[in-house]
Amino acid sequence: MQTTATWEPSSGCFIIHSPTTLSQKYWITNSAVHAQWCVVFAQLLMGGKNQGIHGFLVRIRNDDMTPCKGVTIYDMGHKIGCNGVDNGQLSFKQYAVPREALLNAFSEVAADG
């Protein structure tokens, strides 16, 4: 897991980042055309310490269906089967999401970090 979510206390946001080709998210169902939101799993970094893999609810498209700034979306193209599903590839470039985006059933990040 190479995607990172770095806690930035000054903004109260997590910064989602895909630093390498291998860190991009591939074959994400409905992401090429239709999805506006997705769950992203990333290594949570706080104060330079890795806190393990956590999930985040992340908006990937605006209301007009354009990709959000910092999100890149590619269509995976034609498949041998199930072409009714628009699979995509997602990557994130220093994309800020609010603290509330953390899926926090088992862990929490307080507003002060």
PDB file of N, CA and C in Angstrom:
ATOM      1  N   MET A   1       0.861  -1.175   0.000  1.00  0.00           N
ATOM      2  CA  MET A   1       0.000   0.000   0.000  1.00  0.00           C
ATOM      3  C   MET A   1       0.898   1.226   0.000  1.00  0.00           C
ATOM      4  N   GLN A   2       0.904   1.955  -1.123  1.00  0.00           N
ATOM      5  CA  GLN A   2       1.778   3.116  -1.247  1.00  0.00           C
ATOM      6  C   GLN A   2       1.038   4.449  -1.189  1.00  0.00           C
ATOM      7  N   THR A   3      -0.284   4.428  -1.333  1.00  0.00           N
ATOM      8  CA  THR A   3      -1.046   5.666  -1.216  1.00  0.00           C
ATOM      9  C   THR A   3      -0.938   6.147   0.228  1.00  0.00           C
ATOM     10  N   THR A   4      -0.742   7.446   0.402  1.00  0.00           N
ATOM     11  CA  THR A   4      -0.606   7.997   1.745  1.00  0.00           C
ATOM     12  C   THR A   4      -1.720   8.992   2.047  1.00  0.00           C
ATOM     13  N   ALA A   5      -2.028   9.109   3.317  1.00  0.00           N
ATOM     14  CA  ALA A   5      -2.934  10.128   3.838  1.00  0.00           C
ATOM     15  C   ALA A   5      -2.183  10.792   4.983  1.00  0.00           C
ATOM     16  N   THR A   6      -1.642  11.962   4.735  1.00  0.00           N
ATOM     17  CA  THR A   6      -0.818  12.649   5.721  1.00  0.00           C
ATOM     18  C   THR A   6      -1.662  13.672   6.464  1.00  0.00           C
ATOM     19  N   TRP A   7      -1.678  13.551   7.794  1.00  0.00           N
ATOM     20  CA  TRP A   7      -2.426  14.500   8.612  1.00  0.00           C
ATOM     21  C   TRP A   7      -1.701  15.842   8.605  1.00  0.00           C
ATOM     22  N   GLU A   8      -2.459  16.890   8.262  1.00  0.00           N
ATOM     23  CA  GLU A   8      -1.930  18.255   8.225  1.00  0.00           C
ATOM     24  C   GLU A   8      -2.681  19.071   9.274  1.00  0.00           C
ATOM     25  N   PRO A   9      -2.122  19.191  10.476  1.00  0.00           N
ATOM     26  CA  PRO A   9      -2.849  19.853  11.568  1.00  0.00           C
ATOM     27  C   PRO A   9      -3.207  21.305  11.292  1.00  0.00           C
ATOM     28  N   SER A  10      -2.387  22.012  10.518  1.00  0.00           N
ATOM     29  CA  SER A  10      -2.666  23.430  10.271  1.00  0.00           C
ATOM     30  C   SER A  10      -3.960  23.641   9.496  1.00  0.00           C
ATOM     31  N   SER A  11      -4.323  22.681   8.635  1.00  0.00           N
ATOM     32  CA  SER A  11      -5.559  22.811   7.850  1.00  0.00           C
ATOM     33  C   SER A  11      -6.683  21.929   8.384  1.00  0.00           C
ATOM     34  N   GLY A  12      -6.345  20.988   9.252  1.00  0.00           N
ATOM     35  CA  GLY A  12      -7.352  20.050   9.748  1.00  0.00           C
ATOM     36  C   GLY A  12      -7.772  19.056   8.685  1.00  0.00           C
ATOM     37  N   CYS A  13      -6.876  18.792   7.744  1.00  0.00           N
ATOM     38  CA  CYS A  13      -7.178  17.897   6.623  1.00  0.00           C
ATOM     39  C   CYS A  13      -6.152  16.772   6.517  1.00  0.00           C
ATOM     40  N   PHE A  14      -6.574  15.718   5.844  1.00  0.00           N
ATOM     41  CA  PHE A  14      -5.656  14.674   5.418  1.00  0.00           C
ATOM     42  C   PHE A  14      -5.291  14.970   3.966  1.00  0.00           C
ATOM     43  N   ILE A  15      -4.039  14.784   3.616  1.00  0.00           N
ATOM     44  CA  ILE A  15      -3.585  14.998   2.255  1.00  0.00           C
ATOM     45  C   ILE A  15      -3.384  13.630   1.621  1.00  0.00           C
ATOM     46  N   ILE A  16      -4.277  13.279   0.694  1.00  0.00           N
ATOM     47  CA  ILE A  16      -4.228  11.986   0.006  1.00  0.00           C
ATOM     48  C   ILE A  16      -3.278  12.129  -1.177  1.00  0.00           C
ATOM     49  N   HIS A  17      -2.343  11.185  -1.291  1.00  0.00           N
ATOM     50  CA  HIS A  17      -1.342  11.283  -2.358  1.00  0.00           C
ATOM     51  C   HIS A  17      -0.976   9.901  -2.885  1.00  0.00           C
ATOM     52  N   SER A  18      -0.899   9.812  -4.219  1.00  0.00           N
ATOM     53  CA  SER A  18      -0.455   8.595  -4.911  1.00  0.00           C
ATOM     54  C   SER A  18       0.928   8.894  -5.479  1.00  0.00           C
ATOM     55  N   PRO A  19       2.010   8.561  -4.749  1.00  0.00           N
ATOM     56  CA  PRO A  19       3.338   8.979  -5.168  1.00  0.00           C
ATOM     57  C   PRO A  19       3.932   8.206  -6.346  1.00  0.00           C
ATOM     58  N   THR A  20       3.406   7.026  -6.645  1.00  0.00           N
ATOM     59  CA  THR A  20       3.972   6.193  -7.709  1.00  0.00           C
ATOM     60  C   THR A  20       2.865   5.588  -8.552  1.00  0.00           C
ATOM     61  N   THR A  21       3.247   5.032  -9.686  1.00  0.00           N
ATOM     62  CA  THR A  21       2.284   4.332 -10.544  1.00  0.00           C
ATOM     63  C   THR A  21       1.627   3.190  -9.782  1.00  0.00           C
ATOM     64  N   LEU A  22       2.404   2.460  -8.998  1.00  0.00           N
ATOM     65  CA  LEU A  22       1.848   1.327  -8.244  1.00  0.00           C
ATOM     66  C   LEU A  22       0.887   1.764  -7.145  1.00  0.00           C
ATOM     67  N   SER A  23       0.956   3.016  -6.732  1.00  0.00           N
ATOM     68  CA  SER A  23       0.062   3.494  -5.674  1.00  0.00           C
ATOM     69  C   SER A  23      -1.303   3.916  -6.203  1.00  0.00           C
ATOM     70  N   GLN A  24      -1.456   3.990  -7.515  1.00  0.00           N
ATOM     71  CA  GLN A  24      -2.745   4.364  -8.093  1.00  0.00           C
ATOM     72  C   GLN A  24      -3.751   3.243  -7.861  1.00  0.00           C
ATOM     73  N   LYS A  25      -5.018   3.580  -7.924  1.00  0.00           N
ATOM     74  CA  LYS A  25      -6.096   2.616  -7.687  1.00  0.00           C
ATOM     75  C   LYS A  25      -6.632   2.150  -9.040  1.00  0.00           C
ATOM     76  N   TYR A  26      -6.596   0.847  -9.281  1.00  0.00           N
ATOM     77  CA  TYR A  26      -6.967   0.281 -10.584  1.00  0.00           C
ATOM     78  C   TYR A  26      -8.245  -0.532 -10.489  1.00  0.00           C
ATOM     79  N   TRP A  27      -9.007  -0.548 -11.591  1.00  0.00           N
ATOM     80  CA  TRP A  27     -10.235  -1.338 -11.747  1.00  0.00           C
ATOM     81  C   TRP A  27     -11.286  -0.963 -10.707  1.00  0.00           C
ATOM     82  N   ILE A  28     -11.410   0.317 -10.427  1.00  0.00           N
ATOM     83  CA  ILE A  28     -12.386   0.800  -9.453  1.00  0.00           C
ATOM     84  C   ILE A  28     -13.756   0.876 -10.137  1.00  0.00           C
ATOM     85  N   THR A  29     -14.692   0.082  -9.644  1.00  0.00           N
ATOM     86  CA  THR A  29     -16.019  -0.039 -10.247  1.00  0.00           C
ATOM     87  C   THR A  29     -16.741   1.302 -10.286  1.00  0.00           C
ATOM     88  N   ASN A  30     -17.297   1.633 -11.445  1.00  0.00           N
ATOM     89  CA  ASN A  30     -18.096   2.834 -11.708  1.00  0.00           C
ATOM     90  C   ASN A  30     -17.311   4.145 -11.625  1.00  0.00           C
ATOM     91  N   SER A  31     -16.003   4.086 -11.511  1.00  0.00           N
ATOM     92  CA  SER A  31     -15.238   5.323 -11.337  1.00  0.00           C
ATOM     93  C   SER A  31     -14.932   6.043 -12.647  1.00  0.00           C
ATOM     94  N   ALA A  32     -14.930   5.343 -13.763  1.00  0.00           N
ATOM     95  CA  ALA A  32     -14.536   5.974 -15.027  1.00  0.00           C
ATOM     96  C   ALA A  32     -15.531   7.049 -15.474  1.00  0.00           C
ATOM     97  N   VAL A  33     -16.819   6.837 -15.186  1.00  0.00           N
ATOM     98  CA  VAL A  33     -17.842   7.756 -15.695  1.00  0.00           C
ATOM     99  C   VAL A  33     -18.800   8.251 -14.612  1.00  0.00           C
ATOM    100  N   HIS A  34     -19.229   7.385 -13.710  1.00  0.00           N
ATOM    101  CA  HIS A  34     -20.383   7.689 -12.874  1.00  0.00           C
ATOM    102  C   HIS A  34     -20.119   8.083 -11.428  1.00  0.00           C
ATOM    103  N   ALA A  35     -19.114   7.532 -10.798  1.00  0.00           N
ATOM    104  CA  ALA A  35     -18.927   7.740  -9.352  1.00  0.00           C
ATOM    105  C   ALA A  35     -18.517   9.172  -9.020  1.00  0.00           C
ATOM    106  N   GLN A  36     -19.090   9.684  -7.938  1.00  0.00           N
ATOM    107  CA  GLN A  36     -18.674  10.980  -7.410  1.00  0.00           C
ATOM    108  C   GLN A  36     -17.877  10.820  -6.123  1.00  0.00           C
ATOM    109  N   TRP A  37     -18.021   9.693  -5.468  1.00  0.00           N
ATOM    110  CA  TRP A  37     -17.353   9.411  -4.199  1.00  0.00           C
ATOM    111  C   TRP A  37     -16.740   8.019  -4.255  1.00  0.00           C
ATOM    112  N   CYS A  38     -15.705   7.795  -3.475  1.00  0.00           N
ATOM    113  CA  CYS A  38     -15.136   6.450  -3.346  1.00  0.00           C
ATOM    114  C   CYS A  38     -14.497   6.318  -1.971  1.00  0.00           C
ATOM    115  N   VAL A  39     -14.215   5.082  -1.597  1.00  0.00           N
ATOM    116  CA  VAL A  39     -13.454   4.820  -0.381  1.00  0.00           C
ATOM    117  C   VAL A  39     -12.020   4.555  -0.803  1.00  0.00           C
ATOM    118  N   VAL A  40     -11.099   5.300  -0.205  1.00  0.00           N
ATOM    119  CA  VAL A  40      -9.672   5.157  -0.507  1.00  0.00           C
ATOM    120  C   VAL A  40      -8.978   4.630   0.741  1.00  0.00           C
ATOM    121  N   PHE A  41      -8.214   3.562   0.561  1.00  0.00           N
ATOM    122  CA  PHE A  41      -7.385   3.045   1.647  1.00  0.00           C
ATOM    123  C   PHE A  41      -5.976   3.570   1.451  1.00  0.00           C
ATOM    124  N   ALA A  42      -5.379   4.050   2.544  1.00  0.00           N
ATOM    125  CA  ALA A  42      -4.064   4.674   2.471  1.00  0.00           C
ATOM    126  C   ALA A  42      -3.327   4.488   3.785  1.00  0.00           C
ATOM    127  N   GLN A  43      -2.010   4.609   3.716  1.00  0.00           N
ATOM    128  CA  GLN A  43      -1.178   4.610   4.916  1.00  0.00           C
ATOM    129  C   GLN A  43      -1.355   5.967   5.598  1.00  0.00           C
ATOM    130  N   LEU A  44      -1.822   5.958   6.833  1.00  0.00           N
ATOM    131  CA  LEU A  44      -2.015   7.200   7.579  1.00  0.00           C
ATOM    132  C   LEU A  44      -0.692   7.622   8.213  1.00  0.00           C
ATOM    133  N   LEU A  45      -0.224   8.818   7.844  1.00  0.00           N
ATOM    134  CA  LEU A  45       1.020   9.368   8.385  1.00  0.00           C
ATOM    135  C   LEU A  45       0.697  10.560   9.272  1.00  0.00           C
ATOM    136  N   MET A  46       1.148  10.482  10.519  1.00  0.00           N
ATOM    137  CA  MET A  46       0.915  11.571  11.473  1.00  0.00           C
ATOM    138  C   MET A  46       2.227  11.898  12.166  1.00  0.00           C
ATOM    139  N   GLY A  47       2.694  13.124  11.999  1.00  0.00           N
ATOM    140  CA  GLY A  47       3.945  13.532  12.625  1.00  0.00           C
ATOM    141  C   GLY A  47       5.123  12.677  12.198  1.00  0.00           C
ATOM    142  N   GLY A  48       5.103  12.219  10.957  1.00  0.00           N
ATOM    143  CA  GLY A  48       6.187  11.395  10.440  1.00  0.00           C
ATOM    144  C   GLY A  48       6.105   9.926  10.825  1.00  0.00           C
ATOM    145  N   LYS A  49       5.075   9.542  11.570  1.00  0.00           N
ATOM    146  CA  LYS A  49       4.916   8.151  12.006  1.00  0.00           C
ATOM    147  C   LYS A  49       3.773   7.486  11.235  1.00  0.00           C
ATOM    148  N   ASN A  50       4.024   6.281  10.736  1.00  0.00           N
ATOM    149  CA  ASN A  50       3.008   5.526  10.007  1.00  0.00           C
ATOM    150  C   ASN A  50       2.060   4.874  11.011  1.00  0.00           C
ATOM    151  N   GLN A  51       0.771   5.209  10.901  1.00  0.00           N
ATOM    152  CA  GLN A  51      -0.260   4.678  11.796  1.00  0.00           C
ATOM    153  C   GLN A  51      -1.020   3.505  11.181  1.00  0.00           C
ATOM    154  N   GLY A  52      -0.554   3.007  10.033  1.00  0.00           N
ATOM    155  CA  GLY A  52      -1.197   1.864   9.390  1.00  0.00           C
ATOM    156  C   GLY A  52      -2.231   2.286   8.360  1.00  0.00           C
ATOM    157  N   ILE A  53      -2.875   1.281   7.783  1.00  0.00           N
ATOM    158  CA  ILE A  53      -3.850   1.511   6.718  1.00  0.00           C
ATOM    159  C   ILE A  53      -5.183   1.945   7.306  1.00  0.00           C
ATOM    160  N   HIS A  54      -5.732   3.012   6.749  1.00  0.00           N
ATOM    161  CA  HIS A  54      -7.035   3.536   7.160  1.00  0.00           C
ATOM    162  C   HIS A  54      -7.859   3.818   5.903  1.00  0.00           C
ATOM    163  N   GLY A  55      -9.182   3.844   6.069  1.00  0.00           N
ATOM    164  CA  GLY A  55     -10.089   4.151   4.971  1.00  0.00           C
ATOM    165  C   GLY A  55     -10.605   5.578   5.066  1.00  0.00           C
ATOM    166  N   PHE A  56     -10.830   6.179   3.902  1.00  0.00           N
ATOM    167  CA  PHE A  56     -11.315   7.560   3.821  1.00  0.00           C
ATOM    168  C   PHE A  56     -12.413   7.640   2.774  1.00  0.00           C
ATOM    169  N   LEU A  57     -13.481   8.360   3.079  1.00  0.00           N
ATOM    170  CA  LEU A  57     -14.521   8.641   2.100  1.00  0.00           C
ATOM    171  C   LEU A  57     -14.102   9.887   1.344  1.00  0.00           C
ATOM    172  N   VAL A  58     -13.861   9.733   0.036  1.00  0.00           N
ATOM    173  CA  VAL A  58     -13.236  10.797  -0.758  1.00  0.00           C
ATOM    174  C   VAL A  58     -14.119  11.165  -1.941  1.00  0.00           C
ATOM    175  N   ARG A  59     -14.367  12.454  -2.091  1.00  0.00           N
ATOM    176  CA  ARG A  59     -15.092  12.947  -3.271  1.00  0.00           C
ATOM    177  C   ARG A  59     -14.113  12.995  -4.436  1.00  0.00           C
ATOM    178  N   ILE A  60     -14.506  12.381  -5.572  1.00  0.00           N
ATOM    179  CA  ILE A  60     -13.616  12.371  -6.736  1.00  0.00           C
ATOM    180  C   ILE A  60     -14.139  13.223  -7.887  1.00  0.00           C
ATOM    181  N   ARG A  61     -15.439  13.578  -7.860  1.00  0.00           N
ATOM    182  CA  ARG A  61     -16.014  14.428  -8.914  1.00  0.00           C
ATOM    183  C   ARG A  61     -16.865  15.524  -8.296  1.00  0.00           C
ATOM    184  N   ASN A  62     -16.882  16.653  -9.001  1.00  0.00           N
ATOM    185  CA  ASN A  62     -17.755  17.768  -8.635  1.00  0.00           C
ATOM    186  C   ASN A  62     -19.180  17.462  -9.071  1.00  0.00           C
ATOM    187  N   ASP A  63     -20.117  18.331  -8.703  1.00  0.00           N
ATOM    188  CA  ASP A  63     -21.521  18.126  -9.094  1.00  0.00           C
ATOM    189  C   ASP A  63     -21.702  18.080 -10.604  1.00  0.00           C
ATOM    190  N   ASP A  64     -20.845  18.783 -11.350  1.00  0.00           N
ATOM    191  CA  ASP A  64     -20.961  18.766 -12.822  1.00  0.00           C
ATOM    192  C   ASP A  64     -20.210  17.577 -13.443  1.00  0.00           C
ATOM    193  N   MET A  65     -19.741  16.648 -12.583  1.00  0.00           N
ATOM    194  CA  MET A  65     -19.071  15.399 -12.967  1.00  0.00           C
ATOM    195  C   MET A  65     -17.635  15.585 -13.465  1.00  0.00           C
ATOM    196  N   THR A  66     -17.076  16.778 -13.352  1.00  0.00           N
ATOM    197  CA  THR A  66     -15.660  16.955 -13.666  1.00  0.00           C
ATOM    198  C   THR A  66     -14.843  16.446 -12.474  1.00  0.00           C
ATOM    199  N   PRO A  67     -13.658  15.904 -12.726  1.00  0.00           N
ATOM    200  CA  PRO A  67     -12.837  15.437 -11.601  1.00  0.00           C
ATOM    201  C   PRO A  67     -12.450  16.593 -10.680  1.00  0.00           C
ATOM    202  N   CYS A  68     -12.426  16.324  -9.399  1.00  0.00           N
ATOM    203  CA  CYS A  68     -11.988  17.325  -8.431  1.00  0.00           C
ATOM    204  C   CYS A  68     -10.517  17.638  -8.667  1.00  0.00           C
ATOM    205  N   LYS A  69     -10.117  18.861  -8.354  1.00  0.00           N
ATOM    206  CA  LYS A  69      -8.720  19.255  -8.508  1.00  0.00           C
ATOM    207  C   LYS A  69      -7.857  18.378  -7.600  1.00  0.00           C
ATOM    208  N   GLY A  70      -6.844  17.756  -8.185  1.00  0.00           N
ATOM    209  CA  GLY A  70      -5.984  16.846  -7.450  1.00  0.00           C
ATOM    210  C   GLY A  70      -6.331  15.384  -7.654  1.00  0.00           C
ATOM    211  N   VAL A  71      -7.424  15.127  -8.395  1.00  0.00           N
ATOM    212  CA  VAL A  71      -7.845  13.752  -8.699  1.00  0.00           C
ATOM    213  C   VAL A  71      -7.724  13.524 -10.202  1.00  0.00           C
ATOM    214  N   THR A  72      -7.089  12.439 -10.581  1.00  0.00           N
ATOM    215  CA  THR A  72      -6.989  12.055 -11.990  1.00  0.00           C
ATOM    216  C   THR A  72      -7.765  10.758 -12.181  1.00  0.00           C
ATOM    217  N   ILE A  73      -8.617  10.731 -13.210  1.00  0.00           N
ATOM    218  CA  ILE A  73      -9.459   9.563 -13.479  1.00  0.00           C
ATOM    219  C   ILE A  73      -9.249   9.123 -14.920  1.00  0.00           C
ATOM    220  N   TYR A  74      -8.967   7.829 -15.101  1.00  0.00           N
ATOM    221  CA  TYR A  74      -8.842   7.243 -16.436  1.00  0.00           C
ATOM    222  C   TYR A  74      -9.811   6.082 -16.559  1.00  0.00           C
ATOM    223  N   ASP A  75     -10.367   5.907 -17.744  1.00  0.00           N
ATOM    224  CA  ASP A  75     -11.201   4.743 -18.047  1.00  0.00           C
ATOM    225  C   ASP A  75     -10.274   3.571 -18.339  1.00  0.00           C
ATOM    226  N   MET A  76     -10.556   2.401 -17.771  1.00  0.00           N
ATOM    227  CA  MET A  76      -9.720   1.220 -18.001  1.00  0.00           C
ATOM    228  C   MET A  76      -9.933   0.628 -19.387  1.00  0.00           C
ATOM    229  N   GLY A  77     -10.942   1.118 -20.113  1.00  0.00           N
ATOM    230  CA  GLY A  77     -11.143   0.667 -21.489  1.00  0.00           C
ATOM    231  C   GLY A  77     -11.996  -0.579 -21.603  1.00  0.00           C
ATOM    232  N   HIS A  78     -12.034  -1.103 -22.816  1.00  0.00           N
ATOM    233  CA  HIS A  78     -12.855  -2.272 -23.143  1.00  0.00           C
ATOM    234  C   HIS A  78     -12.357  -3.512 -22.405  1.00  0.00           C
ATOM    235  N   LYS A  79     -13.322  -4.279 -21.883  1.00  0.00           N
ATOM    236  CA  LYS A  79     -13.008  -5.530 -21.200  1.00  0.00           C
ATOM    237  C   LYS A  79     -13.617  -6.691 -21.982  1.00  0.00           C
ATOM    238  N   ILE A  80     -13.127  -7.878 -21.745  1.00  0.00           N
ATOM    239  CA  ILE A  80     -13.676  -9.065 -22.423  1.00  0.00           C
ATOM    240  C   ILE A  80     -15.108  -9.312 -21.966  1.00  0.00           C
ATOM    241  N   GLY A  81     -15.423  -9.085 -20.708  1.00  0.00           N
ATOM    242  CA  GLY A  81     -16.774  -9.290 -20.198  1.00  0.00           C
ATOM    243  C   GLY A  81     -17.222  -8.124 -19.346  1.00  0.00           C
ATOM    244  N   CYS A  82     -18.504  -8.032 -19.074  1.00  0.00           N
ATOM    245  CA  CYS A  82     -19.097  -7.046 -18.170  1.00  0.00           C
ATOM    246  C   CYS A  82     -18.766  -5.601 -18.568  1.00  0.00           C
ATOM    247  N   ASN A  83     -18.947  -5.279 -19.842  1.00  0.00           N
ATOM    248  CA  ASN A  83     -18.634  -3.921 -20.286  1.00  0.00           C
ATOM    249  C   ASN A  83     -19.651  -2.881 -19.844  1.00  0.00           C
ATOM    250  N   GLY A  84     -20.722  -3.305 -19.195  1.00  0.00           N
ATOM    251  CA  GLY A  84     -21.690  -2.352 -18.662  1.00  0.00           C
ATOM    252  C   GLY A  84     -21.181  -1.634 -17.422  1.00  0.00           C
ATOM    253  N   VAL A  85     -20.056  -2.069 -16.895  1.00  0.00           N
ATOM    254  CA  VAL A  85     -19.468  -1.459 -15.704  1.00  0.00           C
ATOM    255  C   VAL A  85     -18.282  -0.606 -16.135  1.00  0.00           C
ATOM    256  N   ASP A  86     -18.280   0.653 -15.724  1.00  0.00           N
ATOM    257  CA  ASP A  86     -17.211   1.567 -16.140  1.00  0.00           C
ATOM    258  C   ASP A  86     -16.072   1.576 -15.116  1.00  0.00           C
ATOM    259  N   ASN A  87     -15.184   0.612 -15.245  1.00  0.00           N
ATOM    260  CA  ASN A  87     -14.027   0.528 -14.349  1.00  0.00           C
ATOM    261  C   ASN A  87     -13.032   1.629 -14.675  1.00  0.00           C
ATOM    262  N   GLY A  88     -12.423   2.170 -13.631  1.00  0.00           N
ATOM    263  CA  GLY A  88     -11.476   3.248 -13.840  1.00  0.00           C
ATOM    264  C   GLY A  88     -10.217   3.099 -13.018  1.00  0.00           C
ATOM    265  N   GLN A  89      -9.312   4.002 -13.275  1.00  0.00           N
ATOM    266  CA  GLN A  89      -8.045   4.122 -12.553  1.00  0.00           C
ATOM    267  C   GLN A  89      -8.047   5.497 -11.895  1.00  0.00           C
ATOM    268  N   LEU A  90      -7.709   5.536 -10.613  1.00  0.00           N
ATOM    269  CA  LEU A  90      -7.709   6.789  -9.864  1.00  0.00           C
ATOM    270  C   LEU A  90      -6.324   7.071  -9.302  1.00  0.00           C
ATOM    271  N   SER A  91      -5.944   8.333  -9.338  1.00  0.00           N
ATOM    272  CA  SER A  91      -4.736   8.754  -8.632  1.00  0.00           C
ATOM    273  C   SER A  91      -5.005  10.110  -7.988  1.00  0.00           C
ATOM    274  N   PHE A  92      -4.232  10.392  -6.962  1.00  0.00           N
ATOM    275  CA  PHE A  92      -4.433  11.591  -6.156  1.00  0.00           C
ATOM    276  C   PHE A  92      -3.118  12.349  -6.034  1.00  0.00           C
ATOM    277  N   LYS A  93      -3.174  13.652  -6.241  1.00  0.00           N
ATOM    278  CA  LYS A  93      -1.973  14.488  -6.134  1.00  0.00           C
ATOM    279  C   LYS A  93      -2.201  15.538  -5.050  1.00  0.00           C
ATOM    280  N   GLN A  94      -1.660  15.259  -3.879  1.00  0.00           N
ATOM    281  CA  GLN A  94      -1.759  16.187  -2.742  1.00  0.00           C
ATOM    282  C   GLN A  94      -3.198  16.689  -2.562  1.00  0.00           C
ATOM    283  N   TYR A  95      -4.145  15.752  -2.510  1.00  0.00           N
ATOM    284  CA  TYR A  95      -5.568  16.069  -2.473  1.00  0.00           C
ATOM    285  C   TYR A  95      -6.063  16.138  -1.029  1.00  0.00           C
ATOM    286  N   ALA A  96      -6.516  17.313  -0.609  1.00  0.00           N
ATOM    287  CA  ALA A  96      -6.960  17.524   0.772  1.00  0.00           C
ATOM    288  C   ALA A  96      -8.395  17.056   0.973  1.00  0.00           C
ATOM    289  N   VAL A  97      -8.599  16.271   2.035  1.00  0.00           N
ATOM    290  CA  VAL A  97      -9.944  15.858   2.450  1.00  0.00           C
ATOM    291  C   VAL A  97     -10.096  16.213   3.925  1.00  0.00           C
ATOM    292  N   PRO A  98     -11.300  16.566   4.348  1.00  0.00           N
ATOM    293  CA  PRO A  98     -11.488  16.982   5.743  1.00  0.00           C
ATOM    294  C   PRO A  98     -11.274  15.827   6.721  1.00  0.00           C
ATOM    295  N   ARG A  99     -11.001  16.180   7.963  1.00  0.00           N
ATOM    296  CA  ARG A  99     -10.790  15.176   9.018  1.00  0.00           C
ATOM    297  C   ARG A  99     -11.962  14.213   9.114  1.00  0.00           C
ATOM    298  N   GLU A 100     -13.162  14.705   8.849  1.00  0.00           N
ATOM    299  CA  GLU A 100     -14.372  13.875   8.940  1.00  0.00           C
ATOM    300  C   GLU A 100     -14.422  12.791   7.857  1.00  0.00           C
ATOM    301  N   ALA A 101     -13.532  12.844   6.871  1.00  0.00           N
ATOM    302  CA  ALA A 101     -13.508  11.826   5.815  1.00  0.00           C
ATOM    303  C   ALA A 101     -12.951  10.494   6.304  1.00  0.00           C
ATOM    304  N   LEU A 102     -12.247  10.504   7.438  1.00  0.00           N
ATOM    305  CA  LEU A 102     -11.710   9.265   8.000  1.00  0.00           C
ATOM    306  C   LEU A 102     -12.858   8.347   8.402  1.00  0.00           C
ATOM    307  N   LEU A 103     -12.840   7.123   7.905  1.00  0.00           N
ATOM    308  CA  LEU A 103     -13.829   6.122   8.325  1.00  0.00           C
ATOM    309  C   LEU A 103     -13.352   5.601   9.680  1.00  0.00           C
ATOM    310  N   ASN A 104     -14.002   6.091  10.741  1.00  0.00           N
ATOM    311  CA  ASN A 104     -13.436   5.984  12.077  1.00  0.00           C
ATOM    312  C   ASN A 104     -14.160   5.038  13.010  1.00  0.00           C
ATOM    313  N   ALA A 105     -14.565   3.890  12.531  1.00  0.00           N
ATOM    314  CA  ALA A 105     -15.220   2.917  13.416  1.00  0.00           C
ATOM    315  C   ALA A 105     -14.262   2.394  14.483  1.00  0.00           C
ATOM    316  N   PHE A 106     -12.968   2.333  14.162  1.00  0.00           N
ATOM    317  CA  PHE A 106     -12.010   1.742  15.087  1.00  0.00           C
ATOM    318  C   PHE A 106     -10.873   2.691  15.504  1.00  0.00           C
ATOM    319  N   SER A 107     -10.808   3.847  14.915  1.00  0.00           N
ATOM    320  CA  SER A 107      -9.780   4.805  15.306  1.00  0.00           C
ATOM    321  C   SER A 107     -10.288   6.208  15.009  1.00  0.00           C
ATOM    322  N   GLU A 108      -9.678   7.185  15.659  1.00  0.00           N
ATOM    323  CA  GLU A 108     -10.126   8.572  15.517  1.00  0.00           C
ATOM    324  C   GLU A 108      -8.908   9.483  15.525  1.00  0.00           C
ATOM    325  N   VAL A 109      -9.023  10.580  14.804  1.00  0.00           N
ATOM    326  CA  VAL A 109      -8.015  11.629  14.868  1.00  0.00           C
ATOM    327  C   VAL A 109      -8.730  12.875  15.381  1.00  0.00           C
ATOM    328  N   ALA A 110      -8.301  13.343  16.532  1.00  0.00           N
ATOM    329  CA  ALA A 110      -8.902  14.532  17.131  1.00  0.00           C
ATOM    330  C   ALA A 110      -8.532  15.765  16.323  1.00  0.00           C
ATOM    331  N   ALA A 111      -9.278  16.821  16.486  1.00  0.00           N
ATOM    332  CA  ALA A 111      -9.032  18.049  15.734  1.00  0.00           C
ATOM    333  C   ALA A 111      -7.621  18.596  15.965  1.00  0.00           C
ATOM    334  N   ASP A 112      -7.065  18.339  17.118  1.00  0.00           N
ATOM    335  CA  ASP A 112      -5.706  18.811  17.402  1.00  0.00           C
ATOM    336  C   ASP A 112      -4.651  17.761  17.055  1.00  0.00           C
ATOM    337  N   GLY A 113      -5.081  16.672  16.398  1.00  0.00           N
ATOM    338  CA  GLY A 113      -4.146  15.626  15.985  1.00  0.00           C
ATOM    339  C   GLY A 113      -3.984  14.574  17.039  1.00  0.00           C
TER     340      GLY A 113
END
